[in-house]
Amino acid sequence: QKMILTLIKIKMENQKLQIQINSNKLLKELEVQEFTDDIVQSLIIAMSRTQFELLNLDDTCQLIKNEFRFLSLREVRKAITKGTAGEYGRSYKLSTQEVCYWIQQYVKDKNAKTLKL
């Protein structure tokens, strides 16, 4: 009977662990989706400000997430805002390449400021 109780306890612990793992996975998926939604929103604002259309929003968003994963969402949004304001030069079109250029320039400026300190 003790063995049965021990097995039941082990099974319950395994179920708790599985629930915790599933919860963590779900939270991570929600964070990724939130990040994606916020980048898409920033890109839509960029289209409005530059009066250019970005045809491949999903691909651009995915590339930004992959290439600039070391940046926070706040930094990505700041880079896009500065880019649309012309801080990194005049834009003649809005493309994935242009948005990535803005983010690269933001990182370059940020690193230059850090080195000066």
PDB file of N, CA and C in Angstrom:
ATOM      1  N   GLN A   1       0.828  -1.196   0.000  1.00  0.00           N
ATOM      2  CA  GLN A   1       0.000   0.000   0.000  1.00  0.00           C
ATOM      3  C   GLN A   1       0.876   1.266   0.000  1.00  0.00           C
ATOM      4  N   LYS A   2       1.984   1.224   0.749  1.00  0.00           N
ATOM      5  CA  LYS A   2       2.911   2.364   0.743  1.00  0.00           C
ATOM      6  C   LYS A   2       3.476   2.589  -0.655  1.00  0.00           C
ATOM      7  N   MET A   3       3.748   1.497  -1.327  1.00  0.00           N
ATOM      8  CA  MET A   3       4.304   1.598  -2.674  1.00  0.00           C
ATOM      9  C   MET A   3       3.300   2.253  -3.627  1.00  0.00           C
ATOM     10  N   ILE A   4       2.038   1.896  -3.473  1.00  0.00           N
ATOM     11  CA  ILE A   4       0.986   2.483  -4.317  1.00  0.00           C
ATOM     12  C   ILE A   4       0.881   3.980  -4.046  1.00  0.00           C
ATOM     13  N   LEU A   5       0.921   4.367  -2.769  1.00  0.00           N
ATOM     14  CA  LEU A   5       0.876   5.784  -2.420  1.00  0.00           C
ATOM     15  C   LEU A   5       2.088   6.531  -2.978  1.00  0.00           C
ATOM     16  N   THR A   6       3.236   5.917  -2.907  1.00  0.00           N
ATOM     17  CA  THR A   6       4.449   6.525  -3.446  1.00  0.00           C
ATOM     18  C   THR A   6       4.321   6.712  -4.957  1.00  0.00           C
ATOM     19  N   LEU A   7       3.812   5.707  -5.648  1.00  0.00           N
ATOM     20  CA  LEU A   7       3.618   5.806  -7.099  1.00  0.00           C
ATOM     21  C   LEU A   7       2.619   6.905  -7.460  1.00  0.00           C
ATOM     22  N   ILE A   8       1.555   7.014  -6.648  1.00  0.00           N
ATOM     23  CA  ILE A   8       0.561   8.064  -6.883  1.00  0.00           C
ATOM     24  C   ILE A   8       1.192   9.440  -6.685  1.00  0.00           C
ATOM     25  N   LYS A   9       2.003   9.580  -5.629  1.00  0.00           N
ATOM     26  CA  LYS A   9       2.687  10.855  -5.384  1.00  0.00           C
ATOM     27  C   LYS A   9       3.617  11.208  -6.544  1.00  0.00           C
ATOM     28  N   ILE A  10       4.341  10.221  -7.018  1.00  0.00           N
ATOM     29  CA  ILE A  10       5.268  10.453  -8.139  1.00  0.00           C
ATOM     30  C   ILE A  10       4.489  10.883  -9.376  1.00  0.00           C
ATOM     31  N   LYS A  11       3.380  10.204  -9.631  1.00  0.00           N
ATOM     32  CA  LYS A  11       2.558  10.545 -10.786  1.00  0.00           C
ATOM     33  C   LYS A  11       2.015  11.974 -10.670  1.00  0.00           C
ATOM     34  N   MET A  12       1.579  12.340  -9.473  1.00  0.00           N
ATOM     35  CA  MET A  12       1.059  13.695  -9.262  1.00  0.00           C
ATOM     36  C   MET A  12       2.156  14.743  -9.442  1.00  0.00           C
ATOM     37  N   GLU A  13       3.352  14.456  -8.965  1.00  0.00           N
ATOM     38  CA  GLU A  13       4.476  15.377  -9.133  1.00  0.00           C
ATOM     39  C   GLU A  13       4.814  15.541 -10.621  1.00  0.00           C
ATOM     40  N   ASN A  14       4.779  14.429 -11.345  1.00  0.00           N
ATOM     41  CA  ASN A  14       5.043  14.479 -12.787  1.00  0.00           C
ATOM     42  C   ASN A  14       3.993  15.314 -13.509  1.00  0.00           C
ATOM     43  N   GLN A  15       2.739  15.177 -13.099  1.00  0.00           N
ATOM     44  CA  GLN A  15       1.670  15.968 -13.707  1.00  0.00           C
ATOM     45  C   GLN A  15       1.854  17.456 -13.402  1.00  0.00           C
ATOM     46  N   LYS A  16       2.228  17.776 -12.156  1.00  0.00           N
ATOM     47  CA  LYS A  16       2.484  19.176 -11.794  1.00  0.00           C
ATOM     48  C   LYS A  16       3.624  19.745 -12.629  1.00  0.00           C
ATOM     49  N   LEU A  17       4.669  18.953 -12.778  1.00  0.00           N
ATOM     50  CA  LEU A  17       5.822  19.383 -13.560  1.00  0.00           C
ATOM     51  C   LEU A  17       5.421  19.613 -15.015  1.00  0.00           C
ATOM     52  N   GLN A  18       4.622  18.715 -15.566  1.00  0.00           N
ATOM     53  CA  GLN A  18       4.175  18.855 -16.951  1.00  0.00           C
ATOM     54  C   GLN A  18       3.318  20.102 -17.124  1.00  0.00           C
ATOM     55  N   ILE A  19       2.453  20.371 -16.159  1.00  0.00           N
ATOM     56  CA  ILE A  19       1.619  21.573 -16.200  1.00  0.00           C
ATOM     57  C   ILE A  19       2.497  22.825 -16.168  1.00  0.00           C
ATOM     58  N   GLN A  20       3.529  22.801 -15.319  1.00  0.00           N
ATOM     59  CA  GLN A  20       4.432  23.947 -15.226  1.00  0.00           C
ATOM     60  C   GLN A  20       5.190  24.146 -16.540  1.00  0.00           C
ATOM     61  N   ILE A  21       5.645  23.055 -17.133  1.00  0.00           N
ATOM     62  CA  ILE A  21       6.359  23.134 -18.416  1.00  0.00           C
ATOM     63  C   ILE A  21       5.436  23.706 -19.486  1.00  0.00           C
ATOM     64  N   ASN A  22       4.210  23.207 -19.546  1.00  0.00           N
ATOM     65  CA  ASN A  22       3.243  23.700 -20.526  1.00  0.00           C
ATOM     66  C   ASN A  22       2.930  25.184 -20.304  1.00  0.00           C
ATOM     67  N   SER A  23       2.824  25.590 -19.046  1.00  0.00           N
ATOM     68  CA  SER A  23       2.568  27.003 -18.733  1.00  0.00           C
ATOM     69  C   SER A  23       3.720  27.877 -19.194  1.00  0.00           C
ATOM     70  N   ASN A  24       4.938  27.425 -18.957  1.00  0.00           N
ATOM     71  CA  ASN A  24       6.114  28.191 -19.392  1.00  0.00           C
ATOM     72  C   ASN A  24       6.172  28.309 -20.909  1.00  0.00           C
ATOM     73  N   LYS A  25       5.843  27.230 -21.604  1.00  0.00           N
ATOM     74  CA  LYS A  25       5.824  27.262 -23.073  1.00  0.00           C
ATOM     75  C   LYS A  25       4.790  28.261 -23.576  1.00  0.00           C
ATOM     76  N   LEU A  26       3.611  28.227 -22.972  1.00  0.00           N
ATOM     77  CA  LEU A  26       2.538  29.136 -23.362  1.00  0.00           C
ATOM     78  C   LEU A  26       2.932  30.587 -23.115  1.00  0.00           C
ATOM     79  N   LEU A  27       3.543  30.866 -21.973  1.00  0.00           N
ATOM     80  CA  LEU A  27       4.005  32.225 -21.676  1.00  0.00           C
ATOM     81  C   LEU A  27       5.028  32.701 -22.697  1.00  0.00           C
ATOM     82  N   LYS A  28       5.946  31.824 -23.065  1.00  0.00           N
ATOM     83  CA  LYS A  28       6.967  32.173 -24.057  1.00  0.00           C
ATOM     84  C   LYS A  28       6.316  32.473 -25.404  1.00  0.00           C
ATOM     85  N   GLU A  29       5.349  31.652 -25.804  1.00  0.00           N
ATOM     86  CA  GLU A  29       4.645  31.883 -27.063  1.00  0.00           C
ATOM     87  C   GLU A  29       3.907  33.218 -27.042  1.00  0.00           C
ATOM     88  N   LEU A  30       3.300  33.540 -25.908  1.00  0.00           N
ATOM     89  CA  LEU A  30       2.595  34.820 -25.783  1.00  0.00           C
ATOM     90  C   LEU A  30       3.567  35.995 -25.868  1.00  0.00           C
ATOM     91  N   GLU A  31       4.740  35.858 -25.244  1.00  0.00           N
ATOM     92  CA  GLU A  31       5.749  36.918 -25.308  1.00  0.00           C
ATOM     93  C   GLU A  31       6.210  37.129 -26.744  1.00  0.00           C
ATOM     94  N   VAL A  32       6.451  36.041 -27.454  1.00  0.00           N
ATOM     95  CA  VAL A  32       6.883  36.137 -28.854  1.00  0.00           C
ATOM     96  C   VAL A  32       5.804  36.803 -29.686  1.00  0.00           C
ATOM     97  N   GLN A  33       4.537  36.424 -29.473  1.00  0.00           N
ATOM     98  CA  GLN A  33       3.437  37.012 -30.234  1.00  0.00           C
ATOM     99  C   GLN A  33       3.295  38.499 -29.912  1.00  0.00           C
ATOM    100  N   GLU A  34       3.450  38.860 -28.650  1.00  0.00           N
ATOM    101  CA  GLU A  34       3.360  40.269 -28.251  1.00  0.00           C
ATOM    102  C   GLU A  34       4.472  41.079 -28.910  1.00  0.00           C
ATOM    103  N   PHE A  35       5.684  40.523 -28.919  1.00  0.00           N
ATOM    104  CA  PHE A  35       6.819  41.185 -29.557  1.00  0.00           C
ATOM    105  C   PHE A  35       6.526  41.394 -31.040  1.00  0.00           C
ATOM    106  N   THR A  36       6.023  40.344 -31.694  1.00  0.00           N
ATOM    107  CA  THR A  36       5.691  40.415 -33.119  1.00  0.00           C
ATOM    108  C   THR A  36       4.626  41.477 -33.373  1.00  0.00           C
ATOM    109  N   ASP A  37       3.566  41.471 -32.580  1.00  0.00           N
ATOM    110  CA  ASP A  37       2.483  42.444 -32.753  1.00  0.00           C
ATOM    111  C   ASP A  37       2.991  43.867 -32.591  1.00  0.00           C
ATOM    112  N   ASP A  38       3.867  44.095 -31.617  1.00  0.00           N
ATOM    113  CA  ASP A  38       4.399  45.438 -31.390  1.00  0.00           C
ATOM    114  C   ASP A  38       5.296  45.892 -32.538  1.00  0.00           C
ATOM    115  N   ILE A  39       6.089  44.984 -33.091  1.00  0.00           N
ATOM    116  CA  ILE A  39       6.929  45.350 -34.232  1.00  0.00           C
ATOM    117  C   ILE A  39       6.054  45.670 -35.438  1.00  0.00           C
ATOM    118  N   VAL A  40       5.035  44.856 -35.676  1.00  0.00           N
ATOM    119  CA  VAL A  40       4.114  45.115 -36.791  1.00  0.00           C
ATOM    120  C   VAL A  40       3.471  46.485 -36.617  1.00  0.00           C
ATOM    121  N   GLN A  41       3.062  46.804 -35.406  1.00  0.00           N
ATOM    122  CA  GLN A  41       2.455  48.110 -35.134  1.00  0.00           C
ATOM    123  C   GLN A  41       3.454  49.235 -35.447  1.00  0.00           C
ATOM    124  N   SER A  42       4.706  49.068 -35.057  1.00  0.00           N
ATOM    125  CA  SER A  42       5.727  50.075 -35.341  1.00  0.00           C
ATOM    126  C   SER A  42       5.936  50.230 -36.846  1.00  0.00           C
ATOM    127  N   LEU A  43       5.905  49.118 -37.565  1.00  0.00           N
ATOM    128  CA  LEU A  43       6.091  49.176 -39.019  1.00  0.00           C
ATOM    129  C   LEU A  43       4.901  49.841 -39.709  1.00  0.00           C
ATOM    130  N   ILE A  44       3.719  49.632 -39.185  1.00  0.00           N
ATOM    131  CA  ILE A  44       2.532  50.301 -39.739  1.00  0.00           C
ATOM    132  C   ILE A  44       2.638  51.807 -39.526  1.00  0.00           C
ATOM    133  N   ILE A  45       3.106  52.214 -38.357  1.00  0.00           N
ATOM    134  CA  ILE A  45       3.326  53.642 -38.088  1.00  0.00           C
ATOM    135  C   ILE A  45       4.398  54.185 -39.034  1.00  0.00           C
ATOM    136  N   ALA A  46       5.437  53.395 -39.279  1.00  0.00           N
ATOM    137  CA  ALA A  46       6.497  53.816 -40.208  1.00  0.00           C
ATOM    138  C   ALA A  46       5.926  54.030 -41.608  1.00  0.00           C
ATOM    139  N   MET A  47       5.023  53.169 -42.031  1.00  0.00           N
ATOM    140  CA  MET A  47       4.396  53.336 -43.350  1.00  0.00           C
ATOM    141  C   MET A  47       3.607  54.641 -43.404  1.00  0.00           C
ATOM    142  N   SER A  48       2.917  54.934 -42.320  1.00  0.00           N
ATOM    143  CA  SER A  48       2.133  56.165 -42.264  1.00  0.00           C
ATOM    144  C   SER A  48       3.037  57.393 -42.318  1.00  0.00           C
ATOM    145  N   ARG A  49       4.136  57.364 -41.563  1.00  0.00           N
ATOM    146  CA  ARG A  49       5.031  58.523 -41.509  1.00  0.00           C
ATOM    147  C   ARG A  49       5.786  58.748 -42.818  1.00  0.00           C
ATOM    148  N   THR A  50       6.203  57.666 -43.450  1.00  0.00           N
ATOM    149  CA  THR A  50       7.001  57.805 -44.677  1.00  0.00           C
ATOM    150  C   THR A  50       6.143  57.849 -45.928  1.00  0.00           C
ATOM    151  N   GLN A  51       4.889  57.500 -45.783  1.00  0.00           N
ATOM    152  CA  GLN A  51       3.941  57.411 -46.890  1.00  0.00           C
ATOM    153  C   GLN A  51       4.427  56.432 -47.962  1.00  0.00           C
ATOM    154  N   PHE A  52       5.096  55.394 -47.511  1.00  0.00           N
ATOM    155  CA  PHE A  52       5.496  54.281 -48.364  1.00  0.00           C
ATOM    156  C   PHE A  52       4.832  53.024 -47.815  1.00  0.00           C
ATOM    157  N   GLU A  53       4.604  52.062 -48.693  1.00  0.00           N
ATOM    158  CA  GLU A  53       4.006  50.810 -48.252  1.00  0.00           C
ATOM    159  C   GLU A  53       5.086  49.736 -48.127  1.00  0.00           C
ATOM    160  N   LEU A  54       5.047  49.012 -47.041  1.00  0.00           N
ATOM    161  CA  LEU A  54       5.948  47.889 -46.829  1.00  0.00           C
ATOM    162  C   LEU A  54       5.157  46.630 -47.146  1.00  0.00           C
ATOM    163  N   LEU A  55       5.546  45.927 -48.194  1.00  0.00           N
ATOM    164  CA  LEU A  55       4.738  44.829 -48.703  1.00  0.00           C
ATOM    165  C   LEU A  55       4.865  43.535 -47.908  1.00  0.00           C
ATOM    166  N   ASN A  56       5.971  43.340 -47.249  1.00  0.00           N
ATOM    167  CA  ASN A  56       6.219  42.056 -46.587  1.00  0.00           C
ATOM    168  C   ASN A  56       6.378  42.223 -45.077  1.00  0.00           C
ATOM    169  N   LEU A  57       5.313  42.662 -44.436  1.00  0.00           N
ATOM    170  CA  LEU A  57       5.358  42.916 -42.990  1.00  0.00           C
ATOM    171  C   LEU A  57       5.793  41.696 -42.184  1.00  0.00           C
ATOM    172  N   ASP A  58       5.214  40.542 -42.476  1.00  0.00           N
ATOM    173  CA  ASP A  58       5.540  39.340 -41.701  1.00  0.00           C
ATOM    174  C   ASP A  58       6.999  38.938 -41.859  1.00  0.00           C
ATOM    175  N   ASP A  59       7.507  38.985 -43.089  1.00  0.00           N
ATOM    176  CA  ASP A  59       8.908  38.630 -43.331  1.00  0.00           C
ATOM    177  C   ASP A  59       9.847  39.621 -42.657  1.00  0.00           C
ATOM    178  N   THR A  60       9.514  40.899 -42.740  1.00  0.00           N
ATOM    179  CA  THR A  60      10.338  41.930 -42.111  1.00  0.00           C
ATOM    180  C   THR A  60      10.365  41.737 -40.602  1.00  0.00           C
ATOM    181  N   CYS A  61       9.213  41.496 -40.032  1.00  0.00           N
ATOM    182  CA  CYS A  61       9.113  41.281 -38.582  1.00  0.00           C
ATOM    183  C   CYS A  61       9.939  40.071 -38.160  1.00  0.00           C
ATOM    184  N   GLN A  62       9.843  38.994 -38.904  1.00  0.00           N
ATOM    185  CA  GLN A  62      10.599  37.778 -38.583  1.00  0.00           C
ATOM    186  C   GLN A  62      12.102  38.034 -38.676  1.00  0.00           C
ATOM    187  N   LEU A  63      12.522  38.756 -39.694  1.00  0.00           N
ATOM    188  CA  LEU A  63      13.943  39.071 -39.855  1.00  0.00           C
ATOM    189  C   LEU A  63      14.452  39.930 -38.691  1.00  0.00           C
ATOM    190  N   ILE A  64      13.667  40.916 -38.304  1.00  0.00           N
ATOM    191  CA  ILE A  64      14.051  41.771 -37.178  1.00  0.00           C
ATOM    192  C   ILE A  64      14.199  40.933 -35.913  1.00  0.00           C
ATOM    193  N   LYS A  65      13.237  40.048 -35.665  1.00  0.00           N
ATOM    194  CA  LYS A  65      13.318  39.192 -34.477  1.00  0.00           C
ATOM    195  C   LYS A  65      14.562  38.319 -34.506  1.00  0.00           C
ATOM    196  N   ASN A  66      14.896  37.792 -35.671  1.00  0.00           N
ATOM    197  CA  ASN A  66      16.049  36.888 -35.774  1.00  0.00           C
ATOM    198  C   ASN A  66      17.381  37.624 -35.725  1.00  0.00           C
ATOM    199  N   GLU A  67      17.486  38.717 -36.464  1.00  0.00           N
ATOM    200  CA  GLU A  67      18.761  39.428 -36.599  1.00  0.00           C
ATOM    201  C   GLU A  67      19.082  40.337 -35.413  1.00  0.00           C
ATOM    202  N   PHE A  68      18.055  40.848 -34.762  1.00  0.00           N
ATOM    203  CA  PHE A  68      18.267  41.822 -33.688  1.00  0.00           C
ATOM    204  C   PHE A  68      17.688  41.326 -32.367  1.00  0.00           C
ATOM    205  N   ARG A  69      17.805  40.041 -32.104  1.00  0.00           N
ATOM    206  CA  ARG A  69      17.241  39.451 -30.885  1.00  0.00           C
ATOM    207  C   ARG A  69      17.924  39.967 -29.627  1.00  0.00           C
ATOM    208  N   PHE A  70      19.093  40.575 -29.770  1.00  0.00           N
ATOM    209  CA  PHE A  70      19.811  41.128 -28.617  1.00  0.00           C
ATOM    210  C   PHE A  70      19.258  42.488 -28.201  1.00  0.00           C
ATOM    211  N   LEU A  71      18.364  43.058 -29.012  1.00  0.00           N
ATOM    212  CA  LEU A  71      17.750  44.340 -28.668  1.00  0.00           C
ATOM    213  C   LEU A  71      16.396  44.121 -28.017  1.00  0.00           C
ATOM    214  N   SER A  72      16.040  45.027 -27.148  1.00  0.00           N
ATOM    215  CA  SER A  72      14.708  44.962 -26.545  1.00  0.00           C
ATOM    216  C   SER A  72      13.688  45.525 -27.542  1.00  0.00           C
ATOM    217  N   LEU A  73      12.440  45.247 -27.279  1.00  0.00           N
ATOM    218  CA  LEU A  73      11.372  45.781 -28.117  1.00  0.00           C
ATOM    219  C   LEU A  73      11.419  47.309 -28.117  1.00  0.00           C
ATOM    220  N   ARG A  74      11.681  47.882 -26.964  1.00  0.00           N
ATOM    221  CA  ARG A  74      11.762  49.343 -26.829  1.00  0.00           C
ATOM    222  C   ARG A  74      12.834  49.920 -27.758  1.00  0.00           C
ATOM    223  N   GLU A  75      13.979  49.238 -27.825  1.00  0.00           N
ATOM    224  CA  GLU A  75      15.070  49.712 -28.677  1.00  0.00           C
ATOM    225  C   GLU A  75      14.723  49.592 -30.161  1.00  0.00           C
ATOM    226  N   VAL A  76      14.073  48.508 -30.534  1.00  0.00           N
ATOM    227  CA  VAL A  76      13.667  48.328 -31.933  1.00  0.00           C
ATOM    228  C   VAL A  76      12.688  49.419 -32.322  1.00  0.00           C
ATOM    229  N   ARG A  77      11.722  49.663 -31.462  1.00  0.00           N
ATOM    230  CA  ARG A  77      10.732  50.714 -31.756  1.00  0.00           C
ATOM    231  C   ARG A  77      11.396  52.093 -31.849  1.00  0.00           C
ATOM    232  N   LYS A  78      12.350  52.338 -30.966  1.00  0.00           N
ATOM    233  CA  LYS A  78      13.071  53.613 -30.980  1.00  0.00           C
ATOM    234  C   LYS A  78      13.846  53.780 -32.289  1.00  0.00           C
ATOM    235  N   ALA A  79      14.485  52.709 -32.739  1.00  0.00           N
ATOM    236  CA  ALA A  79      15.243  52.753 -33.991  1.00  0.00           C
ATOM    237  C   ALA A  79      14.324  53.038 -35.180  1.00  0.00           C
ATOM    238  N   ILE A  80      13.174  52.396 -35.205  1.00  0.00           N
ATOM    239  CA  ILE A  80      12.219  52.621 -36.299  1.00  0.00           C
ATOM    240  C   ILE A  80      11.690  54.051 -36.258  1.00  0.00           C
ATOM    241  N   THR A  81      11.399  54.538 -35.058  1.00  0.00           N
ATOM    242  CA  THR A  81      10.911  55.918 -34.918  1.00  0.00           C
ATOM    243  C   THR A  81      11.951  56.916 -35.410  1.00  0.00           C
ATOM    244  N   LYS A  82      13.207  56.721 -35.014  1.00  0.00           N
ATOM    245  CA  LYS A  82      14.279  57.616 -35.456  1.00  0.00           C
ATOM    246  C   LYS A  82      14.463  57.534 -36.968  1.00  0.00           C
ATOM    247  N   GLY A  83      14.353  56.334 -37.508  1.00  0.00           N
ATOM    248  CA  GLY A  83      14.483  56.158 -38.956  1.00  0.00           C
ATOM    249  C   GLY A  83      13.397  56.881 -39.721  1.00  0.00           C
ATOM    250  N   THR A  84      12.169  56.793 -39.238  1.00  0.00           N
ATOM    251  CA  THR A  84      11.068  57.470 -39.929  1.00  0.00           C
ATOM    252  C   THR A  84      11.160  58.983 -39.779  1.00  0.00           C
ATOM    253  N   ALA A  85      11.866  59.441 -38.760  1.00  0.00           N
ATOM    254  CA  ALA A  85      12.049  60.880 -38.561  1.00  0.00           C
ATOM    255  C   ALA A  85      13.209  61.426 -39.402  1.00  0.00           C
ATOM    256  N   GLY A  86      13.895  60.538 -40.118  1.00  0.00           N
ATOM    257  CA  GLY A  86      14.987  60.976 -40.982  1.00  0.00           C
ATOM    258  C   GLY A  86      16.329  61.087 -40.287  1.00  0.00           C
ATOM    259  N   GLU A  87      16.418  60.572 -39.081  1.00  0.00           N
ATOM    260  CA  GLU A  87      17.664  60.698 -38.327  1.00  0.00           C
ATOM    261  C   GLU A  87      18.828  59.940 -38.966  1.00  0.00           C
ATOM    262  N   TYR A  88      18.512  58.936 -39.775  1.00  0.00           N
ATOM    263  CA  TYR A  88      19.563  58.134 -40.405  1.00  0.00           C
ATOM    264  C   TYR A  88      19.632  58.403 -41.911  1.00  0.00           C
ATOM    265  N   GLY A  89      19.157  59.566 -42.304  1.00  0.00           N
ATOM    266  CA  GLY A  89      19.171  59.935 -43.723  1.00  0.00           C
ATOM    267  C   GLY A  89      17.772  59.856 -44.305  1.00  0.00           C
ATOM    268  N   ARG A  90      17.690  60.324 -45.516  1.00  0.00           N
ATOM    269  CA  ARG A  90      16.401  60.364 -46.204  1.00  0.00           C
ATOM    270  C   ARG A  90      16.056  58.990 -46.769  1.00  0.00           C
ATOM    271  N   SER A  91      14.806  58.614 -46.650  1.00  0.00           N
ATOM    272  CA  SER A  91      14.343  57.331 -47.187  1.00  0.00           C
ATOM    273  C   SER A  91      13.624  57.553 -48.507  1.00  0.00           C
ATOM    274  N   TYR A  92      14.014  56.773 -49.491  1.00  0.00           N
ATOM    275  CA  TYR A  92      13.379  56.864 -50.799  1.00  0.00           C
ATOM    276  C   TYR A  92      12.374  55.751 -51.020  1.00  0.00           C
ATOM    277  N   LYS A  93      12.377  54.806 -50.099  1.00  0.00           N
ATOM    278  CA  LYS A  93      11.405  53.714 -50.123  1.00  0.00           C
ATOM    279  C   LYS A  93      11.394  53.089 -48.739  1.00  0.00           C
ATOM    280  N   LEU A  94      10.387  52.296 -48.492  1.00  0.00           N
ATOM    281  CA  LEU A  94      10.321  51.567 -47.228  1.00  0.00           C
ATOM    282  C   LEU A  94      10.415  50.086 -47.558  1.00  0.00           C
ATOM    283  N   SER A  95      11.486  49.483 -47.111  1.00  0.00           N
ATOM    284  CA  SER A  95      11.719  48.064 -47.389  1.00  0.00           C
ATOM    285  C   SER A  95      12.326  47.420 -46.149  1.00  0.00           C
ATOM    286  N   THR A  96      12.411  46.118 -46.184  1.00  0.00           N
ATOM    287  CA  THR A  96      13.062  45.390 -45.091  1.00  0.00           C
ATOM    288  C   THR A  96      14.490  45.883 -44.936  1.00  0.00           C
ATOM    289  N   GLN A  97      15.155  46.088 -46.049  1.00  0.00           N
ATOM    290  CA  GLN A  97      16.542  46.557 -46.023  1.00  0.00           C
ATOM    291  C   GLN A  97      16.644  47.917 -45.338  1.00  0.00           C
ATOM    292  N   GLU A  98      15.725  48.811 -45.640  1.00  0.00           N
ATOM    293  CA  GLU A  98      15.742  50.157 -45.045  1.00  0.00           C
ATOM    294  C   GLU A  98      15.505  50.097 -43.536  1.00  0.00           C
ATOM    295  N   VAL A  99      14.541  49.305 -43.109  1.00  0.00           N
ATOM    296  CA  VAL A  99      14.237  49.181 -41.685  1.00  0.00           C
ATOM    297  C   VAL A  99      15.437  48.577 -40.947  1.00  0.00           C
ATOM    298  N   CYS A 100      16.043  47.550 -41.533  1.00  0.00           N
ATOM    299  CA  CYS A 100      17.226  46.938 -40.904  1.00  0.00           C
ATOM    300  C   CYS A 100      18.384  47.936 -40.851  1.00  0.00           C
ATOM    301  N   TYR A 101      18.509  48.778 -41.857  1.00  0.00           N
ATOM    302  CA  TYR A 101      19.544  49.819 -41.855  1.00  0.00           C
ATOM    303  C   TYR A 101      19.323  50.768 -40.678  1.00  0.00           C
ATOM    304  N   TRP A 102      18.068  51.169 -40.461  1.00  0.00           N
ATOM    305  CA  TRP A 102      17.765  52.053 -39.337  1.00  0.00           C
ATOM    306  C   TRP A 102      18.169  51.408 -38.015  1.00  0.00           C
ATOM    307  N   ILE A 103      17.844  50.135 -37.865  1.00  0.00           N
ATOM    308  CA  ILE A 103      18.155  49.438 -36.606  1.00  0.00           C
ATOM    309  C   ILE A 103      19.671  49.293 -36.452  1.00  0.00           C
ATOM    310  N   GLN A 104      20.360  48.990 -37.556  1.00  0.00           N
ATOM    311  CA  GLN A 104      21.831  48.892 -37.510  1.00  0.00           C
ATOM    312  C   GLN A 104      22.450  50.224 -37.117  1.00  0.00           C
ATOM    313  N   GLN A 105      21.933  51.309 -37.660  1.00  0.00           N
ATOM    314  CA  GLN A 105      22.441  52.642 -37.323  1.00  0.00           C
ATOM    315  C   GLN A 105      22.176  52.964 -35.852  1.00  0.00           C
ATOM    316  N   TYR A 106      21.022  52.566 -35.370  1.00  0.00           N
ATOM    317  CA  TYR A 106      20.693  52.765 -33.963  1.00  0.00           C
ATOM    318  C   TYR A 106      21.709  52.037 -33.083  1.00  0.00           C
ATOM    319  N   VAL A 107      21.999  50.782 -33.422  1.00  0.00           N
ATOM    320  CA  VAL A 107      22.963  49.984 -32.656  1.00  0.00           C
ATOM    321  C   VAL A 107      24.347  50.622 -32.728  1.00  0.00           C
ATOM    322  N   LYS A 108      24.721  51.080 -33.912  1.00  0.00           N
ATOM    323  CA  LYS A 108      26.024  51.729 -34.102  1.00  0.00           C
ATOM    324  C   LYS A 108      26.125  52.982 -33.221  1.00  0.00           C
ATOM    325  N   ASP A 109      25.094  53.814 -33.238  1.00  0.00           N
ATOM    326  CA  ASP A 109      25.072  55.030 -32.407  1.00  0.00           C
ATOM    327  C   ASP A 109      25.109  54.682 -30.919  1.00  0.00           C
ATOM    328  N   LYS A 110      24.344  53.676 -30.550  1.00  0.00           N
ATOM    329  CA  LYS A 110      24.305  53.247 -29.139  1.00  0.00           C
ATOM    330  C   LYS A 110      25.670  52.767 -28.685  1.00  0.00           C
ATOM    331  N   ASN A 111      26.332  51.978 -29.520  1.00  0.00           N
ATOM    332  CA  ASN A 111      27.660  51.468 -29.178  1.00  0.00           C
ATOM    333  C   ASN A 111      28.689  52.589 -29.119  1.00  0.00           C
ATOM    334  N   ALA A 112      28.570  53.571 -30.005  1.00  0.00           N
ATOM    335  CA  ALA A 112      29.495  54.703 -29.999  1.00  0.00           C
ATOM    336  C   ALA A 112      29.350  55.509 -28.702  1.00  0.00           C
ATOM    337  N   LYS A 113      28.107  55.702 -28.268  1.00  0.00           N
ATOM    338  CA  LYS A 113      27.867  56.423 -27.005  1.00  0.00           C
ATOM    339  C   LYS A 113      28.420  55.640 -25.820  1.00  0.00           C
ATOM    340  N   THR A 114      28.259  54.328 -25.854  1.00  0.00           N
ATOM    341  CA  THR A 114      28.757  53.481 -24.766  1.00  0.00           C
ATOM    342  C   THR A 114      30.282  53.550 -24.686  1.00  0.00           C
ATOM    343  N   LEU A 115      30.943  53.548 -25.834  1.00  0.00           N
ATOM    344  CA  LEU A 115      32.408  53.603 -25.860  1.00  0.00           C
ATOM    345  C   LEU A 115      32.948  54.935 -25.354  1.00  0.00           C
ATOM    346  N   LYS A 116      32.183  56.020 -25.569  1.00  0.00           N
ATOM    347  CA  LYS A 116      32.607  57.355 -25.112  1.00  0.00           C
ATOM    348  C   LYS A 116      32.563  57.469 -23.599  1.00  0.00           C
ATOM    349  N   LEU A 117      31.694  56.685 -22.977  1.00  0.00           N
ATOM    350  CA  LEU A 117      31.577  56.759 -21.506  1.00  0.00           C
ATOM    351  C   LEU A 117      32.776  56.150 -20.911  1.00  0.00           C
TER     352      LEU A 117
END
